Amino acid sequence: MTYEIIEIGEHKLPIRFGFNALRKYSLKTGSTLNDLNKLANGEMTFNDAFVLIYAGIEDGHRAAKQDFRLTVDEVTDMFDGNIESMEECFEILGRAMGTMEGDKAKKRLAKRAKRKAKS
């Protein structure tokens, strides 16, 4: 599994926004996948934003095979004085979502090609 490293002040943490991170975010907030659209529109609550980042960092640790013992509060506190790191987290999320969308598009194209080949 691939992951990126996010620097939040003096902390360097693995971060990954795969389906497992989104699943954990959903469990913690009761959100649906459609609720992620709120992020793009700036409608996500501050709490939800940090829970989403937390889920990405938690999943990054899993992907990196590193123990993870931080709480949401501890992760959120890291951003005090490091707000630019929050923007970087959402850029990583955007790239991950773009990859997921790209994979879906490739699968749709492959199915269409298969159908045309059968015709």
C-alpha atoms as a PDB file:
ATOM      1  CA  MET A   1       0.000   0.000   0.000  1.00  0.00           C
ATOM      2  CA  THR A   2       1.234   3.438  -0.850  1.00  0.00           C
ATOM      3  CA  TYR A   3       1.158   6.413   1.462  1.00  0.00           C
ATOM      4  CA  GLU A   4       2.613   9.888   1.661  1.00  0.00           C
ATOM      5  CA  ILE A   5       4.385  11.704   4.475  1.00  0.00           C
ATOM      6  CA  ILE A   6       2.785  14.830   5.888  1.00  0.00           C
ATOM      7  CA  GLU A   7       4.848  17.286   7.909  1.00  0.00           C
ATOM      8  CA  ILE A   8       2.907  18.980  10.672  1.00  0.00           C
ATOM      9  CA  GLY A   9       5.363  21.178  12.525  1.00  0.00           C
ATOM     10  CA  GLU A  10       8.074  18.869  13.832  1.00  0.00           C
ATOM     11  CA  HIS A  11       6.009  15.747  13.170  1.00  0.00           C
ATOM     12  CA  LYS A  12       6.382  13.620  10.037  1.00  0.00           C
ATOM     13  CA  LEU A  13       3.456  11.246   9.717  1.00  0.00           C
ATOM     14  CA  PRO A  14       2.377   8.740   7.070  1.00  0.00           C
ATOM     15  CA  ILE A  15      -1.001   9.594   5.565  1.00  0.00           C
ATOM     16  CA  ARG A  16      -3.237   7.662   3.197  1.00  0.00           C
ATOM     17  CA  PHE A  17      -6.783   8.342   2.043  1.00  0.00           C
ATOM     18  CA  GLY A  18      -7.808   4.943   0.735  1.00  0.00           C
ATOM     19  CA  PHE A  19     -11.213   3.351   1.125  1.00  0.00           C
ATOM     20  CA  ASN A  20     -10.328   2.163   4.630  1.00  0.00           C
ATOM     21  CA  ALA A  21      -9.677   5.736   5.779  1.00  0.00           C
ATOM     22  CA  LEU A  22     -12.992   6.823   4.256  1.00  0.00           C
ATOM     23  CA  ARG A  23     -14.737   3.891   5.944  1.00  0.00           C
ATOM     24  CA  LYS A  24     -13.293   4.863   9.326  1.00  0.00           C
ATOM     25  CA  TYR A  25     -14.241   8.491   8.769  1.00  0.00           C
ATOM     26  CA  SER A  26     -17.787   7.377   7.967  1.00  0.00           C
ATOM     27  CA  LEU A  27     -17.957   5.238  11.120  1.00  0.00           C
ATOM     28  CA  LYS A  28     -16.717   8.079  13.325  1.00  0.00           C
ATOM     29  CA  THR A  29     -18.980  10.769  11.875  1.00  0.00           C
ATOM     30  CA  GLY A  30     -21.986   8.906  10.470  1.00  0.00           C
ATOM     31  CA  SER A  31     -21.196  10.502   7.098  1.00  0.00           C
ATOM     32  CA  THR A  32     -21.909   9.064   3.693  1.00  0.00           C
ATOM     33  CA  LEU A  33     -19.602   9.156   0.695  1.00  0.00           C
ATOM     34  CA  ASN A  34     -21.802  11.892  -0.752  1.00  0.00           C
ATOM     35  CA  ASP A  35     -20.999  13.995   2.310  1.00  0.00           C
ATOM     36  CA  LEU A  36     -17.403  14.220   1.058  1.00  0.00           C
ATOM     37  CA  ASN A  37     -18.728  16.545  -1.647  1.00  0.00           C
ATOM     38  CA  LYS A  38     -19.259  19.058   1.142  1.00  0.00           C
ATOM     39  CA  LEU A  39     -15.499  19.348   1.463  1.00  0.00           C
ATOM     40  CA  ALA A  40     -15.143  20.649  -2.071  1.00  0.00           C
ATOM     41  CA  ASN A  41     -17.861  23.220  -1.375  1.00  0.00           C
ATOM     42  CA  GLY A  42     -16.379  24.298   1.964  1.00  0.00           C
ATOM     43  CA  GLU A  43     -19.431  22.993   3.823  1.00  0.00           C
ATOM     44  CA  MET A  44     -17.656  20.405   6.003  1.00  0.00           C
ATOM     45  CA  THR A  45     -17.595  21.131   9.722  1.00  0.00           C
ATOM     46  CA  PHE A  46     -14.277  21.848  11.367  1.00  0.00           C
ATOM     47  CA  ASN A  47     -14.653  18.681  13.444  1.00  0.00           C
ATOM     48  CA  ASP A  48     -15.388  16.536  10.387  1.00  0.00           C
ATOM     49  CA  ALA A  49     -12.337  17.974   8.617  1.00  0.00           C
ATOM     50  CA  PHE A  50     -10.054  16.956  11.466  1.00  0.00           C
ATOM     51  CA  VAL A  51     -11.679  13.540  11.853  1.00  0.00           C
ATOM     52  CA  LEU A  52     -11.080  12.978   8.132  1.00  0.00           C
ATOM     53  CA  ILE A  53      -7.423  13.984   8.470  1.00  0.00           C
ATOM     54  CA  TYR A  54      -7.131  11.771  11.545  1.00  0.00           C
ATOM     55  CA  ALA A  55      -8.559   8.811   9.598  1.00  0.00           C
ATOM     56  CA  GLY A  56      -6.028   9.447   6.821  1.00  0.00           C
ATOM     57  CA  ILE A  57      -3.112   9.571   9.265  1.00  0.00           C
ATOM     58  CA  GLU A  58      -4.378   6.479  11.069  1.00  0.00           C
ATOM     59  CA  ASP A  59      -4.627   4.603   7.760  1.00  0.00           C
ATOM     60  CA  GLY A  60      -1.215   5.913   6.721  1.00  0.00           C
ATOM     61  CA  HIS A  61       0.273   4.325   9.823  1.00  0.00           C
ATOM     62  CA  ARG A  62      -1.464   1.049   8.981  1.00  0.00           C
ATOM     63  CA  ALA A  63      -0.097   1.167   5.417  1.00  0.00           C
ATOM     64  CA  ALA A  64       3.396   1.970   6.745  1.00  0.00           C
ATOM     65  CA  LYS A  65       3.070  -0.842   9.284  1.00  0.00           C
ATOM     66  CA  GLN A  66       3.663   1.605  12.142  1.00  0.00           C
ATOM     67  CA  ASP A  67       1.918   1.663  15.501  1.00  0.00           C
ATOM     68  CA  PHE A  68      -0.632   4.424  15.865  1.00  0.00           C
ATOM     69  CA  ARG A  69      -1.458   5.699  19.334  1.00  0.00           C
ATOM     70  CA  LEU A  70      -2.578   9.289  18.758  1.00  0.00           C
ATOM     71  CA  THR A  71      -6.031  10.627  19.536  1.00  0.00           C
ATOM     72  CA  VAL A  72      -8.061  13.015  17.392  1.00  0.00           C
ATOM     73  CA  ASP A  73      -7.305  15.732  19.959  1.00  0.00           C
ATOM     74  CA  GLU A  74      -3.549  15.113  19.737  1.00  0.00           C
ATOM     75  CA  VAL A  75      -3.573  15.190  15.934  1.00  0.00           C
ATOM     76  CA  THR A  76      -5.692  18.354  15.930  1.00  0.00           C
ATOM     77  CA  ASP A  77      -3.324  20.031  18.409  1.00  0.00           C
ATOM     78  CA  MET A  78      -0.434  19.444  15.983  1.00  0.00           C
ATOM     79  CA  PHE A  79      -2.065  21.898  13.570  1.00  0.00           C
ATOM     80  CA  ASP A  80      -1.847  24.800  16.038  1.00  0.00           C
ATOM     81  CA  GLY A  81       0.583  27.140  14.312  1.00  0.00           C
ATOM     82  CA  ASN A  82       0.764  24.779  11.315  1.00  0.00           C
ATOM     83  CA  ILE A  83      -2.495  25.478   9.491  1.00  0.00           C
ATOM     84  CA  GLU A  84      -0.771  25.202   6.084  1.00  0.00           C
ATOM     85  CA  SER A  85      -0.359  21.495   6.811  1.00  0.00           C
ATOM     86  CA  MET A  86      -4.141  21.165   6.865  1.00  0.00           C
ATOM     87  CA  GLU A  87      -4.284  22.415   3.290  1.00  0.00           C
ATOM     88  CA  GLU A  88      -1.584  19.917   2.321  1.00  0.00           C
ATOM     89  CA  CYS A  89      -3.638  17.089   3.854  1.00  0.00           C
ATOM     90  CA  PHE A  90      -6.579  18.055   1.669  1.00  0.00           C
ATOM     91  CA  GLU A  91      -4.324  18.198  -1.392  1.00  0.00           C
ATOM     92  CA  ILE A  92      -3.292  14.608  -0.613  1.00  0.00           C
ATOM     93  CA  LEU A  93      -6.969  13.702  -0.229  1.00  0.00           C
ATOM     94  CA  GLY A  94      -7.713  15.346  -3.580  1.00  0.00           C
ATOM     95  CA  ARG A  95      -5.005  13.335  -5.298  1.00  0.00           C
ATOM     96  CA  ALA A  96      -6.317  10.132  -3.708  1.00  0.00           C
ATOM     97  CA  MET A  97      -9.884  10.881  -4.782  1.00  0.00           C
ATOM     98  CA  GLY A  98      -8.640  11.714  -8.272  1.00  0.00           C
ATOM     99  CA  THR A  99      -6.879   8.363  -8.435  1.00  0.00           C
ATOM    100  CA  MET A 100     -10.041   6.573  -7.327  1.00  0.00           C
ATOM    101  CA  GLU A 101     -12.077   8.436  -9.951  1.00  0.00           C
ATOM    102  CA  GLY A 102      -9.411   7.710 -12.570  1.00  0.00           C
ATOM    103  CA  ASP A 103      -9.572   4.004 -11.743  1.00  0.00           C
ATOM    104  CA  LYS A 104     -13.370   4.036 -12.128  1.00  0.00           C
ATOM    105  CA  ALA A 105     -13.073   5.747 -15.504  1.00  0.00           C
ATOM    106  CA  LYS A 106     -10.508   3.196 -16.699  1.00  0.00           C
ATOM    107  CA  LYS A 107     -12.812   0.335 -15.688  1.00  0.00           C
ATOM    108  CA  ARG A 108     -15.766   1.916 -17.506  1.00  0.00           C
ATOM    109  CA  LEU A 109     -13.671   2.343 -20.656  1.00  0.00           C
ATOM    110  CA  ALA A 110     -12.464  -1.265 -20.438  1.00  0.00           C
ATOM    111  CA  LYS A 111     -16.065  -2.510 -20.144  1.00  0.00           C
ATOM    112  CA  ARG A 112     -17.119  -0.450 -23.159  1.00  0.00           C
ATOM    113  CA  ALA A 113     -14.182  -1.774 -25.176  1.00  0.00           C
ATOM    114  CA  LYS A 114     -15.122  -5.341 -24.224  1.00  0.00           C
ATOM    115  CA  ARG A 115     -18.724  -4.779 -25.308  1.00  0.00           C
ATOM    116  CA  LYS A 116     -17.617  -3.329 -28.638  1.00  0.00           C
ATOM    117  CA  ALA A 117     -15.241  -6.238 -29.196  1.00  0.00           C
ATOM    118  CA  LYS A 118     -18.105  -8.678 -28.666  1.00  0.00           C
ATOM    119  CA  SER A 119     -20.346  -6.835 -31.151  1.00  0.00           C
END
